[in-house]
C-alpha atoms as a PDB file:
ATOM      1  CA  MET A   1      62.177 -49.430  73.073  1.00  0.00           C
ATOM      2  CA  LYS A   2      64.212 -50.943  70.270  1.00  0.00           C
ATOM      3  CA  ILE A   3      64.048 -48.972  67.038  1.00  0.00           C
ATOM      4  CA  ILE A   4      63.772 -50.972  63.813  1.00  0.00           C
ATOM      5  CA  ASP A   5      64.843 -48.683  60.994  1.00  0.00           C
ATOM      6  CA  LEU A   6      63.842 -50.065  57.595  1.00  0.00           C
ATOM      7  CA  ARG A   7      63.980 -46.837  55.605  1.00  0.00           C
ATOM      8  CA  SER A   8      66.893 -47.807  53.364  1.00  0.00           C
ATOM      9  CA  ASP A   9      69.878 -50.093  52.891  1.00  0.00           C
ATOM     10  CA  THR A  10      71.960 -46.915  52.914  1.00  0.00           C
ATOM     11  CA  LEU A  11      71.725 -47.229  56.699  1.00  0.00           C
ATOM     12  CA  THR A  12      74.309 -50.004  56.726  1.00  0.00           C
ATOM     13  CA  LYS A  13      77.381 -49.226  58.830  1.00  0.00           C
ATOM     14  CA  PRO A  14      80.967 -50.422  58.360  1.00  0.00           C
ATOM     15  CA  THR A  15      81.843 -53.557  60.293  1.00  0.00           C
ATOM     16  CA  LYS A  16      84.916 -53.726  62.488  1.00  0.00           C
ATOM     17  CA  ALA A  17      86.745 -55.634  59.747  1.00  0.00           C
ATOM     18  CA  MET A  18      85.830 -52.984  57.178  1.00  0.00           C
ATOM     19  CA  MET A  19      87.034 -50.235  59.531  1.00  0.00           C
ATOM     20  CA  GLU A  20      90.351 -52.044  59.847  1.00  0.00           C
ATOM     21  CA  ALA A  21      90.620 -52.148  56.057  1.00  0.00           C
ATOM     22  CA  ILE A  22      89.952 -48.408  55.974  1.00  0.00           C
ATOM     23  CA  MET A  23      92.610 -47.692  58.621  1.00  0.00           C
ATOM     24  CA  ASN A  24      95.194 -49.827  56.841  1.00  0.00           C
ATOM     25  CA  ALA A  25      94.538 -48.478  53.346  1.00  0.00           C
ATOM     26  CA  GLU A  26      97.487 -47.380  51.244  1.00  0.00           C
ATOM     27  CA  VAL A  27      96.666 -43.968  49.794  1.00  0.00           C
ATOM     28  CA  GLY A  28      97.865 -41.405  47.286  1.00  0.00           C
ATOM     29  CA  ASP A  29      96.428 -38.474  45.332  1.00  0.00           C
ATOM     30  CA  ASP A  30      93.620 -39.797  43.150  1.00  0.00           C
ATOM     31  CA  VAL A  31      93.340 -36.601  41.096  1.00  0.00           C
ATOM     32  CA  PHE A  32      96.821 -37.515  39.848  1.00  0.00           C
ATOM     33  CA  GLU A  33      95.600 -41.131  39.527  1.00  0.00           C
ATOM     34  CA  GLU A  34      98.176 -42.099  42.168  1.00  0.00           C
ATOM     35  CA  ASP A  35      96.000 -43.649  44.862  1.00  0.00           C
ATOM     36  CA  PRO A  36      96.898 -47.367  44.750  1.00  0.00           C
ATOM     37  CA  THR A  37      93.764 -48.511  46.561  1.00  0.00           C
ATOM     38  CA  VAL A  38      91.492 -46.565  44.230  1.00  0.00           C
ATOM     39  CA  ASN A  39      93.385 -47.966  41.260  1.00  0.00           C
ATOM     40  CA  GLU A  40      92.989 -51.492  42.612  1.00  0.00           C
ATOM     41  CA  LEU A  41      89.249 -50.956  43.070  1.00  0.00           C
ATOM     42  CA  GLN A  42      88.834 -49.530  39.585  1.00  0.00           C
ATOM     43  CA  ASP A  43      90.823 -52.386  38.061  1.00  0.00           C
ATOM     44  CA  MET A  44      88.729 -54.918  39.935  1.00  0.00           C
ATOM     45  CA  CYS A  45      85.455 -53.332  38.790  1.00  0.00           C
ATOM     46  CA  SER A  46      86.720 -53.187  35.215  1.00  0.00           C
ATOM     47  CA  MET A  47      87.550 -56.890  35.429  1.00  0.00           C
ATOM     48  CA  ILE A  48      84.267 -58.078  36.955  1.00  0.00           C
ATOM     49  CA  THR A  49      82.167 -56.026  34.513  1.00  0.00           C
ATOM     50  CA  GLY A  50      84.318 -56.921  31.515  1.00  0.00           C
ATOM     51  CA  MET A  51      84.550 -53.237  30.611  1.00  0.00           C
ATOM     52  CA  ASP A  52      87.692 -51.350  29.650  1.00  0.00           C
ATOM     53  CA  ALA A  53      87.882 -49.000  32.598  1.00  0.00           C
ATOM     54  CA  ALA A  54      86.162 -47.746  35.746  1.00  0.00           C
ATOM     55  CA  LEU A  55      85.953 -44.553  37.787  1.00  0.00           C
ATOM     56  CA  PHE A  56      85.329 -44.280  41.542  1.00  0.00           C
ATOM     57  CA  VAL A  57      82.751 -41.593  42.347  1.00  0.00           C
ATOM     58  CA  PRO A  58      81.234 -40.292  45.589  1.00  0.00           C
ATOM     59  CA  THR A  59      77.602 -41.203  44.829  1.00  0.00           C
ATOM     60  CA  GLY A  60      75.319 -43.219  42.601  1.00  0.00           C
ATOM     61  CA  VAL A  61      73.713 -40.027  41.362  1.00  0.00           C
ATOM     62  CA  MET A  62      77.078 -38.775  40.153  1.00  0.00           C
ATOM     63  CA  GLY A  63      77.685 -42.104  38.406  1.00  0.00           C
ATOM     64  CA  ASN A  64      74.388 -41.847  36.547  1.00  0.00           C
ATOM     65  CA  GLN A  65      74.858 -38.183  35.703  1.00  0.00           C
ATOM     66  CA  LEU A  66      78.382 -38.733  34.380  1.00  0.00           C
ATOM     67  CA  ALA A  67      76.997 -41.453  32.108  1.00  0.00           C
ATOM     68  CA  ILE A  68      74.267 -39.155  30.807  1.00  0.00           C
ATOM     69  CA  LYS A  69      76.739 -36.324  30.287  1.00  0.00           C
ATOM     70  CA  CYS A  70      79.260 -38.475  28.452  1.00  0.00           C
ATOM     71  CA  HIS A  71      76.738 -40.221  26.195  1.00  0.00           C
ATOM     72  CA  THR A  72      74.769 -37.139  25.094  1.00  0.00           C
ATOM     73  CA  GLN A  73      74.939 -33.667  23.596  1.00  0.00           C
ATOM     74  CA  PRO A  74      72.907 -30.646  24.793  1.00  0.00           C
ATOM     75  CA  GLY A  75      69.402 -30.800  23.369  1.00  0.00           C
ATOM     76  CA  ASP A  76      69.319 -34.601  23.131  1.00  0.00           C
ATOM     77  CA  GLU A  77      66.628 -36.814  24.606  1.00  0.00           C
ATOM     78  CA  VAL A  78      67.078 -39.689  27.074  1.00  0.00           C
ATOM     79  CA  ILE A  79      64.496 -42.456  27.474  1.00  0.00           C
ATOM     80  CA  VAL A  80      63.871 -43.564  31.074  1.00  0.00           C
ATOM     81  CA  GLU A  81      61.197 -45.604  32.825  1.00  0.00           C
ATOM     82  CA  SER A  82      58.549 -43.381  34.397  1.00  0.00           C
ATOM     83  CA  GLU A  83      59.287 -44.526  37.961  1.00  0.00           C
ATOM     84  CA  SER A  84      63.062 -44.569  37.554  1.00  0.00           C
ATOM     85  CA  HIS A  85      65.495 -43.146  40.081  1.00  0.00           C
ATOM     86  CA  ILE A  86      67.062 -40.902  37.426  1.00  0.00           C
ATOM     87  CA  LEU A  87      63.711 -39.234  36.743  1.00  0.00           C
ATOM     88  CA  ASN A  88      62.344 -39.078  40.282  1.00  0.00           C
ATOM     89  CA  TYR A  89      65.252 -38.738  42.699  1.00  0.00           C
ATOM     90  CA  GLU A  90      68.115 -36.952  40.976  1.00  0.00           C
ATOM     91  CA  THR A  91      66.838 -33.365  41.291  1.00  0.00           C
ATOM     92  CA  ALA A  92      66.407 -32.770  37.532  1.00  0.00           C
ATOM     93  CA  ALA A  93      70.189 -33.101  37.180  1.00  0.00           C
ATOM     94  CA  PRO A  94      70.094 -34.202  33.501  1.00  0.00           C
ATOM     95  CA  SER A  95      68.524 -30.882  32.540  1.00  0.00           C
ATOM     96  CA  VAL A  96      70.982 -28.905  34.680  1.00  0.00           C
ATOM     97  CA  ILE A  97      74.237 -30.742  33.941  1.00  0.00           C
ATOM     98  CA  SER A  98      73.711 -32.180  30.464  1.00  0.00           C
ATOM     99  CA  ASN A  99      70.974 -29.902  29.083  1.00  0.00           C
ATOM    100  CA  VAL A 100      69.016 -32.937  27.940  1.00  0.00           C
ATOM    101  CA  GLN A 101      65.360 -33.840  28.074  1.00  0.00           C
ATOM    102  CA  LEU A 102      64.072 -36.986  29.764  1.00  0.00           C
ATOM    103  CA  LEU A 103      61.270 -38.900  28.086  1.00  0.00           C
ATOM    104  CA  PRO A 104      59.511 -41.243  30.526  1.00  0.00           C
ATOM    105  CA  VAL A 105      58.016 -44.533  29.332  1.00  0.00           C
ATOM    106  CA  LYS A 106      55.612 -46.413  31.593  1.00  0.00           C
ATOM    107  CA  GLY A 107      56.850 -49.917  32.267  1.00  0.00           C
ATOM    108  CA  ASN A 108      55.266 -53.010  33.766  1.00  0.00           C
ATOM    109  CA  MET A 109      56.641 -53.198  37.325  1.00  0.00           C
ATOM    110  CA  GLY A 110      59.393 -50.855  36.140  1.00  0.00           C
ATOM    111  CA  ILE A 111      60.258 -52.933  33.074  1.00  0.00           C
ATOM    112  CA  MET A 112      59.968 -51.191  29.695  1.00  0.00           C
ATOM    113  CA  ASN A 113      59.305 -53.431  26.729  1.00  0.00           C
ATOM    114  CA  VAL A 114      61.086 -52.762  23.461  1.00  0.00           C
ATOM    115  CA  GLU A 115      57.858 -52.063  21.566  1.00  0.00           C
ATOM    116  CA  ASP A 116      57.017 -49.158  23.873  1.00  0.00           C
ATOM    117  CA  ILE A 117      60.548 -47.793  23.623  1.00  0.00           C
ATOM    118  CA  ALA A 118      60.442 -48.003  19.821  1.00  0.00           C
ATOM    119  CA  LYS A 119      57.241 -45.950  19.716  1.00  0.00           C
ATOM    120  CA  VAL A 120      58.921 -42.911  21.282  1.00  0.00           C
ATOM    121  CA  VAL A 121      62.295 -42.939  19.519  1.00  0.00           C
ATOM    122  CA  ARG A 122      62.427 -39.718  17.516  1.00  0.00           C
ATOM    123  CA  THR A 123      62.524 -39.661  13.763  1.00  0.00           C
ATOM    124  CA  SER A 124      65.030 -37.467  11.936  1.00  0.00           C
ATOM    125  CA  GLU A 125      62.986 -34.266  11.443  1.00  0.00           C
ATOM    126  CA  TYR A 126      65.033 -31.274  12.506  1.00  0.00           C
ATOM    127  CA  TYR A 127      62.455 -30.068  15.030  1.00  0.00           C
ATOM    128  CA  PHE A 128      62.766 -33.225  17.154  1.00  0.00           C
ATOM    129  CA  PRO A 129      65.469 -33.843  19.733  1.00  0.00           C
ATOM    130  CA  VAL A 130      67.819 -36.736  19.007  1.00  0.00           C
ATOM    131  CA  THR A 131      67.143 -39.927  20.972  1.00  0.00           C
ATOM    132  CA  ARG A 132      70.667 -40.535  22.208  1.00  0.00           C
ATOM    133  CA  LEU A 133      70.431 -42.732  25.304  1.00  0.00           C
ATOM    134  CA  ILE A 134      68.231 -45.304  27.039  1.00  0.00           C
ATOM    135  CA  CYS A 135      68.632 -45.897  30.789  1.00  0.00           C
ATOM    136  CA  LEU A 136      67.508 -49.031  32.610  1.00  0.00           C
ATOM    137  CA  GLU A 137      67.432 -49.594  36.379  1.00  0.00           C
ATOM    138  CA  ASN A 138      68.286 -52.944  37.978  1.00  0.00           C
ATOM    139  CA  THR A 139      66.933 -53.535  40.548  1.00  0.00           C
ATOM    140  CA  HIS A 140      64.061 -51.070  40.265  1.00  0.00           C
ATOM    141  CA  ASN A 141      63.733 -49.062  43.467  1.00  0.00           C
ATOM    142  CA  ARG A 142      60.239 -47.545  43.296  1.00  0.00           C
ATOM    143  CA  GLU A 143      58.705 -50.763  41.995  1.00  0.00           C
ATOM    144  CA  GLY A 144      59.971 -52.690  45.012  1.00  0.00           C
ATOM    145  CA  GLY A 145      63.311 -54.114  43.950  1.00  0.00           C
ATOM    146  CA  VAL A 146      62.082 -55.749  40.748  1.00  0.00           C
ATOM    147  CA  ILE A 147      64.779 -57.428  38.646  1.00  0.00           C
ATOM    148  CA  GLN A 148      65.144 -56.512  34.976  1.00  0.00           C
ATOM    149  CA  PRO A 149      64.778 -59.795  33.040  1.00  0.00           C
ATOM    150  CA  ILE A 150      67.941 -60.603  31.123  1.00  0.00           C
ATOM    151  CA  ASP A 151      65.941 -61.351  27.969  1.00  0.00           C
ATOM    152  CA  THR A 152      64.397 -57.874  28.083  1.00  0.00           C
ATOM    153  CA  ILE A 153      67.853 -56.380  28.579  1.00  0.00           C
ATOM    154  CA  LYS A 154      69.150 -58.284  25.545  1.00  0.00           C
ATOM    155  CA  GLU A 155      66.220 -57.158  23.372  1.00  0.00           C
ATOM    156  CA  THR A 156      66.668 -53.549  24.462  1.00  0.00           C
ATOM    157  CA  ALA A 157      70.413 -53.702  23.806  1.00  0.00           C
ATOM    158  CA  GLU A 158      69.883 -55.121  20.316  1.00  0.00           C
ATOM    159  CA  PHE A 159      67.309 -52.430  19.538  1.00  0.00           C
ATOM    160  CA  ALA A 160      69.599 -49.678  20.861  1.00  0.00           C
ATOM    161  CA  LYS A 161      72.536 -50.889  18.797  1.00  0.00           C
ATOM    162  CA  LEU A 162      70.480 -51.088  15.600  1.00  0.00           C
ATOM    163  CA  ASN A 163      69.300 -47.517  16.163  1.00  0.00           C
ATOM    164  CA  ASN A 164      72.673 -46.069  17.214  1.00  0.00           C
ATOM    165  CA  ILE A 165      71.413 -45.337  20.735  1.00  0.00           C
ATOM    166  CA  LYS A 166      73.609 -45.744  23.802  1.00  0.00           C
ATOM    167  CA  LEU A 167      72.434 -47.891  26.735  1.00  0.00           C
ATOM    168  CA  HIS A 168      73.250 -47.181  30.392  1.00  0.00           C
ATOM    169  CA  LEU A 169      72.456 -49.310  33.438  1.00  0.00           C
ATOM    170  CA  ASP A 170      71.713 -47.709  36.779  1.00  0.00           C
ATOM    171  CA  GLY A 171      72.805 -50.792  38.687  1.00  0.00           C
ATOM    172  CA  ALA A 172      72.717 -49.283  42.172  1.00  0.00           C
ATOM    173  CA  ARG A 173      71.501 -52.607  43.605  1.00  0.00           C
ATOM    174  CA  ILE A 174      72.697 -54.926  40.829  1.00  0.00           C
ATOM    175  CA  PHE A 175      74.267 -57.328  43.334  1.00  0.00           C
ATOM    176  CA  ASN A 176      70.854 -57.969  44.903  1.00  0.00           C
ATOM    177  CA  ALA A 177      69.690 -59.034  41.450  1.00  0.00           C
ATOM    178  CA  ILE A 178      72.767 -61.222  41.012  1.00  0.00           C
ATOM    179  CA  ALA A 179      72.047 -62.899  44.356  1.00  0.00           C
ATOM    180  CA  GLU A 180      68.655 -64.004  43.000  1.00  0.00           C
ATOM    181  CA  THR A 181      69.379 -64.798  39.372  1.00  0.00           C
ATOM    182  CA  GLY A 182      72.913 -66.165  39.529  1.00  0.00           C
ATOM    183  CA  ILE A 183      73.667 -64.105  36.419  1.00  0.00           C
ATOM    184  CA  SER A 184      77.170 -62.651  36.668  1.00  0.00           C
ATOM    185  CA  LEU A 185      77.886 -58.942  36.692  1.00  0.00           C
ATOM    186  CA  LYS A 186      79.828 -59.386  33.467  1.00  0.00           C
ATOM    187  CA  ASP A 187      76.850 -61.053  31.775  1.00  0.00           C
ATOM    188  CA  TYR A 188      74.648 -58.129  32.796  1.00  0.00           C
ATOM    189  CA  ALA A 189      77.209 -55.461  31.873  1.00  0.00           C
ATOM    190  CA  ASP A 190      77.961 -57.017  28.501  1.00  0.00           C
ATOM    191  CA  HIS A 191      74.772 -55.507  27.070  1.00  0.00           C
ATOM    192  CA  PHE A 192      75.463 -51.907  28.132  1.00  0.00           C
ATOM    193  CA  ASP A 193      77.693 -49.049  27.034  1.00  0.00           C
ATOM    194  CA  SER A 194      78.086 -48.046  30.685  1.00  0.00           C
ATOM    195  CA  ILE A 195      77.066 -49.274  34.103  1.00  0.00           C
ATOM    196  CA  SER A 196      77.097 -47.708  37.559  1.00  0.00           C
ATOM    197  CA  PHE A 197      76.623 -49.454  40.891  1.00  0.00           C
ATOM    198  CA  CYS A 198      76.758 -48.539  44.572  1.00  0.00           C
ATOM    199  CA  PHE A 199      78.957 -49.734  47.410  1.00  0.00           C
ATOM    200  CA  SER A 200      76.998 -47.761  50.020  1.00  0.00           C
ATOM    201  CA  LYS A 201      73.746 -49.751  50.011  1.00  0.00           C
ATOM    202  CA  GLY A 202      73.532 -53.477  50.664  1.00  0.00           C
ATOM    203  CA  LEU A 203      77.281 -53.938  50.293  1.00  0.00           C
ATOM    204  CA  GLY A 204      77.756 -51.914  53.470  1.00  0.00           C
ATOM    205  CA  SER A 205      80.361 -49.289  52.560  1.00  0.00           C
ATOM    206  CA  PRO A 206      79.980 -45.837  54.109  1.00  0.00           C
ATOM    207  CA  VAL A 207      80.387 -43.970  50.797  1.00  0.00           C
ATOM    208  CA  GLY A 208      80.975 -44.554  47.130  1.00  0.00           C
ATOM    209  CA  SER A 209      79.883 -45.819  43.731  1.00  0.00           C
ATOM    210  CA  ILE A 210      81.577 -46.777  40.489  1.00  0.00           C
ATOM    211  CA  VAL A 211      80.892 -46.103  36.829  1.00  0.00           C
ATOM    212  CA  CYS A 212      82.339 -48.383  34.140  1.00  0.00           C
ATOM    213  CA  GLY A 213      82.663 -48.130  30.369  1.00  0.00           C
ATOM    214  CA  ASN A 214      85.195 -47.946  27.568  1.00  0.00           C
ATOM    215  CA  LYS A 215      88.416 -45.950  27.912  1.00  0.00           C
ATOM    216  CA  ASN A 216      87.191 -42.881  26.029  1.00  0.00           C
ATOM    217  CA  PHE A 217      84.013 -42.804  28.098  1.00  0.00           C
ATOM    218  CA  ILE A 218      85.943 -43.006  31.383  1.00  0.00           C
ATOM    219  CA  GLU A 219      88.421 -40.344  30.255  1.00  0.00           C
ATOM    220  CA  HIS A 220      85.479 -38.037  29.530  1.00  0.00           C
ATOM    221  CA  ALA A 221      83.800 -39.002  32.819  1.00  0.00           C
ATOM    222  CA  ARG A 222      86.983 -38.235  34.781  1.00  0.00           C
ATOM    223  CA  LYS A 223      87.014 -34.684  33.414  1.00  0.00           C
ATOM    224  CA  TRP A 224      83.358 -34.154  34.309  1.00  0.00           C
ATOM    225  CA  ARG A 225      83.816 -35.715  37.736  1.00  0.00           C
ATOM    226  CA  LYS A 226      86.376 -32.979  38.388  1.00  0.00           C
ATOM    227  CA  ILE A 227      84.090 -30.259  36.996  1.00  0.00           C
ATOM    228  CA  LEU A 228      81.303 -31.404  39.321  1.00  0.00           C
ATOM    229  CA  GLY A 229      83.578 -31.339  42.364  1.00  0.00           C
ATOM    230  CA  GLY A 230      84.111 -35.074  42.576  1.00  0.00           C
ATOM    231  CA  GLY A 231      87.883 -35.092  42.179  1.00  0.00           C
ATOM    232  CA  MET A 232      89.023 -36.643  45.460  1.00  0.00           C
ATOM    233  CA  ARG A 233      92.507 -36.828  46.940  1.00  0.00           C
ATOM    234  CA  GLN A 234      93.582 -39.568  49.413  1.00  0.00           C
ATOM    235  CA  VAL A 235      90.306 -41.351  48.850  1.00  0.00           C
ATOM    236  CA  GLY A 236      91.822 -44.804  49.163  1.00  0.00           C
ATOM    237  CA  ILE A 237      90.381 -44.901  52.680  1.00  0.00           C
ATOM    238  CA  LEU A 238      86.932 -45.113  51.067  1.00  0.00           C
ATOM    239  CA  ALA A 239      88.019 -47.302  48.178  1.00  0.00           C
ATOM    240  CA  ALA A 240      89.350 -49.761  50.764  1.00  0.00           C
ATOM    241  CA  ALA A 241      85.832 -50.083  52.190  1.00  0.00           C
ATOM    242  CA  ALA A 242      84.437 -50.693  48.706  1.00  0.00           C
ATOM    243  CA  LEU A 243      87.078 -53.332  48.003  1.00  0.00           C
ATOM    244  CA  PHE A 244      86.310 -55.043  51.293  1.00  0.00           C
ATOM    245  CA  ALA A 245      82.598 -55.009  50.431  1.00  0.00           C
ATOM    246  CA  LEU A 246      83.153 -56.592  47.028  1.00  0.00           C
ATOM    247  CA  LYS A 247      85.350 -59.298  48.501  1.00  0.00           C
ATOM    248  CA  ASN A 248      83.253 -60.088  51.581  1.00  0.00           C
ATOM    249  CA  ASN A 249      79.676 -58.781  51.451  1.00  0.00           C
ATOM    250  CA  VAL A 250      78.251 -59.875  48.115  1.00  0.00           C
ATOM    251  CA  ASN A 251      77.141 -63.403  49.007  1.00  0.00           C
ATOM    252  CA  ARG A 252      75.259 -62.304  52.112  1.00  0.00           C
ATOM    253  CA  LEU A 253      72.807 -60.189  50.061  1.00  0.00           C
ATOM    254  CA  LYS A 254      70.682 -63.311  49.574  1.00  0.00           C
ATOM    255  CA  GLU A 255      69.838 -63.066  53.277  1.00  0.00           C
ATOM    256  CA  ASP A 256      68.455 -59.549  52.827  1.00  0.00           C
ATOM    257  CA  ASN A 257      66.354 -60.691  49.885  1.00  0.00           C
ATOM    258  CA  GLU A 258      64.957 -63.615  51.872  1.00  0.00           C
ATOM    259  CA  ASN A 259      64.105 -61.406  54.867  1.00  0.00           C
ATOM    260  CA  ALA A 260      62.206 -59.040  52.561  1.00  0.00           C
ATOM    261  CA  LYS A 261      60.226 -61.905  51.029  1.00  0.00           C
ATOM    262  CA  TYR A 262      59.410 -63.284  54.466  1.00  0.00           C
ATOM    263  CA  PHE A 263      58.242 -59.882  55.703  1.00  0.00           C
ATOM    264  CA  ALA A 264      56.123 -59.370  52.578  1.00  0.00           C
ATOM    265  CA  GLU A 265      54.426 -62.755  52.902  1.00  0.00           C
ATOM    266  CA  GLU A 266      53.588 -62.060  56.536  1.00  0.00           C
ATOM    267  CA  ILE A 267      52.100 -58.590  56.077  1.00  0.00           C
ATOM    268  CA  SER A 268      50.212 -59.618  52.929  1.00  0.00           C
ATOM    269  CA  ASN A 269      47.931 -61.628  55.231  1.00  0.00           C
ATOM    270  CA  ILE A 270      47.076 -58.614  57.392  1.00  0.00           C
ATOM    271  CA  LYS A 271      43.701 -57.036  56.630  1.00  0.00           C
ATOM    272  CA  GLY A 272      44.184 -53.458  55.489  1.00  0.00           C
ATOM    273  CA  ILE A 273      47.566 -54.032  53.836  1.00  0.00           C
ATOM    274  CA  GLU A 274      47.773 -54.033  50.043  1.00  0.00           C
ATOM    275  CA  LEU A 275      50.835 -55.598  48.489  1.00  0.00           C
ATOM    276  CA  ASP A 276      51.738 -57.199  45.168  1.00  0.00           C
ATOM    277  CA  LEU A 277      53.980 -60.118  46.065  1.00  0.00           C
ATOM    278  CA  LYS A 278      55.168 -60.396  42.442  1.00  0.00           C
ATOM    279  CA  THR A 279      57.222 -57.251  42.942  1.00  0.00           C
ATOM    280  CA  VAL A 280      59.070 -58.598  45.987  1.00  0.00           C
ATOM    281  CA  GLN A 281      62.090 -60.075  44.254  1.00  0.00           C
ATOM    282  CA  THR A 282      65.025 -58.687  46.215  1.00  0.00           C
ATOM    283  CA  ASN A 283      65.457 -56.640  49.408  1.00  0.00           C
ATOM    284  CA  ILE A 284      62.738 -53.983  48.981  1.00  0.00           C
ATOM    285  CA  VAL A 285      59.028 -54.177  49.826  1.00  0.00           C
ATOM    286  CA  VAL A 286      56.518 -51.510  48.789  1.00  0.00           C
ATOM    287  CA  PHE A 287      52.998 -51.632  50.161  1.00  0.00           C
ATOM    288  CA  SER A 288      50.029 -49.459  51.049  1.00  0.00           C
ATOM    289  CA  CYS A 289      47.394 -49.335  53.768  1.00  0.00           C
ATOM    290  CA  THR A 290      43.673 -48.968  53.103  1.00  0.00           C
ATOM    291  CA  GLU A 291      42.820 -47.980  56.685  1.00  0.00           C
ATOM    292  CA  PHE A 292      45.150 -45.017  57.247  1.00  0.00           C
ATOM    293  CA  SER A 293      46.779 -42.368  55.109  1.00  0.00           C
ATOM    294  CA  LYS A 294      50.424 -42.971  54.358  1.00  0.00           C
ATOM    295  CA  ALA A 295      51.502 -40.164  56.680  1.00  0.00           C
ATOM    296  CA  GLU A 296      49.309 -41.450  59.531  1.00  0.00           C
ATOM    297  CA  PHE A 297      50.486 -45.040  59.143  1.00  0.00           C
ATOM    298  CA  MET A 298      54.148 -44.020  59.089  1.00  0.00           C
ATOM    299  CA  LEU A 299      53.651 -41.868  62.192  1.00  0.00           C
ATOM    300  CA  ARG A 300      51.933 -44.677  64.104  1.00  0.00           C
ATOM    301  CA  ALA A 301      54.681 -47.103  63.100  1.00  0.00           C
ATOM    302  CA  LYS A 302      57.388 -44.703  64.254  1.00  0.00           C
ATOM    303  CA  GLU A 303      55.677 -44.248  67.623  1.00  0.00           C
ATOM    304  CA  LYS A 304      55.892 -48.020  68.079  1.00  0.00           C
ATOM    305  CA  GLY A 305      59.552 -48.218  67.037  1.00  0.00           C
ATOM    306  CA  LEU A 306      59.315 -49.016  63.333  1.00  0.00           C
ATOM    307  CA  ILE A 307      60.697 -46.422  60.914  1.00  0.00           C
ATOM    308  CA  ILE A 308      59.725 -46.806  57.267  1.00  0.00           C
ATOM    309  CA  SER A 309      60.020 -44.515  54.272  1.00  0.00           C
ATOM    310  CA  SER A 310      57.761 -43.135  51.608  1.00  0.00           C
ATOM    311  CA  GLY A 311      57.789 -45.272  48.488  1.00  0.00           C
ATOM    312  CA  SER A 312      55.835 -43.680  45.670  1.00  0.00           C
ATOM    313  CA  TYR A 313      52.501 -41.877  45.758  1.00  0.00           C
ATOM    314  CA  GLU A 314      50.478 -43.690  48.427  1.00  0.00           C
ATOM    315  CA  LYS A 315      52.924 -46.558  48.841  1.00  0.00           C
ATOM    316  CA  MET A 316      55.380 -47.058  51.667  1.00  0.00           C
ATOM    317  CA  ARG A 317      58.753 -48.798  51.489  1.00  0.00           C
ATOM    318  CA  VAL A 318      60.828 -51.012  53.732  1.00  0.00           C
ATOM    319  CA  VAL A 319      64.325 -52.210  52.864  1.00  0.00           C
ATOM    320  CA  PHE A 320      66.305 -55.063  54.433  1.00  0.00           C
ATOM    321  CA  TYR A 321      70.056 -54.830  54.828  1.00  0.00           C
ATOM    322  CA  MET A 322      73.063 -55.938  56.841  1.00  0.00           C
ATOM    323  CA  GLY A 323      72.317 -55.492  60.526  1.00  0.00           C
ATOM    324  CA  VAL A 324      68.587 -56.200  60.141  1.00  0.00           C
ATOM    325  CA  ASP A 325      67.728 -59.853  60.770  1.00  0.00           C
ATOM    326  CA  ARG A 326      64.719 -62.183  60.806  1.00  0.00           C
ATOM    327  CA  ASN A 327      63.905 -61.206  64.385  1.00  0.00           C
ATOM    328  CA  ASP A 328      63.636 -57.589  63.269  1.00  0.00           C
ATOM    329  CA  ALA A 329      61.352 -58.662  60.431  1.00  0.00           C
ATOM    330  CA  ASP A 330      59.102 -60.472  62.923  1.00  0.00           C
ATOM    331  CA  ALA A 331      59.040 -57.434  65.209  1.00  0.00           C
ATOM    332  CA  ALA A 332      58.130 -55.167  62.275  1.00  0.00           C
ATOM    333  CA  VAL A 333      55.276 -57.487  61.299  1.00  0.00           C
ATOM    334  CA  LYS A 334      54.021 -57.451  64.885  1.00  0.00           C
ATOM    335  CA  ILE A 335      53.988 -53.646  64.954  1.00  0.00           C
ATOM    336  CA  ILE A 336      52.016 -53.494  61.697  1.00  0.00           C
ATOM    337  CA  ARG A 337      49.469 -55.956  63.113  1.00  0.00           C
ATOM    338  CA  GLN A 338      49.123 -53.771  66.207  1.00  0.00           C
ATOM    339  CA  ILE A 339      48.541 -50.638  64.119  1.00  0.00           C
ATOM    340  CA  LEU A 340      45.746 -52.277  62.146  1.00  0.00           C
ATOM    341  CA  LYS A 341      44.110 -53.673  65.294  1.00  0.00           C
ATOM    342  CA  GLU A 342      43.921 -50.131  66.698  1.00  0.00           C
ATOM    343  CA  LYS A 343      41.812 -48.862  63.799  1.00  0.00           C
END
């Protein structure tokens, strides 16, 4: 029985060509800033974001947490969307590492409007924390890969600047958004004080993320990367995979987005499946089942060769990525039809 694993785009594996790039990488000691491949990657990311500097980090979580640490002081408050990755999937790291408090704001499909943000920004009374940072997520994972509208980003950036609040973008899957909108990474990044994005999801690298910002921010982030155990040595072997991904795997993300939309359209017509097609904008689909509990549905799917993940609350999630094609989407739809027929 063929297994179709749609849990996450982190399941991508290096291609033969990427492995060759890894094996041929020129390396040095990155803690001394002497790894030429890492330096090339960081320079490239600085260029394509239009930011002063960049720092290669092991994970997206570290990228986000370095941004929070470098933009805040202990006791500050950080505004996040209530379903954001930073709030839900980063093990309360802001409170542990940065000693800050997260204030969640409920968005519409993961998108906070400026009016709702403005309502919760603290006034200057001494007994309030200082609102120091706003974090946006593009695309939004728990809401099904929803794209942050550029106009909303611009409005939020203008509001943040007027109120002396920093703005960070968790851009883990930003290239999936770019594949749909045609908006460049630089045009997205231009509105933020910092941005992080992943190489280890749809881009297909085995490991790694990047965080970008101005020179002082990156200097501070480098120190905290070391404190958190992220100072890596001959890490050019991984940077080479990230470079290969940026040069070769960006354009193909449109295929993943299209496969997700196709899958969503097909299962939306199955009785017992609940799905908001408006949220299916990139490579993620979240849905629920009215006939079985989430745990029961996932178990039945796995028994038939389809592995899916928990989304949020009663929702389930499937993610399309390199190595999963339209035939796999059709097979997944067929399995879901079979499960509902067995009710």
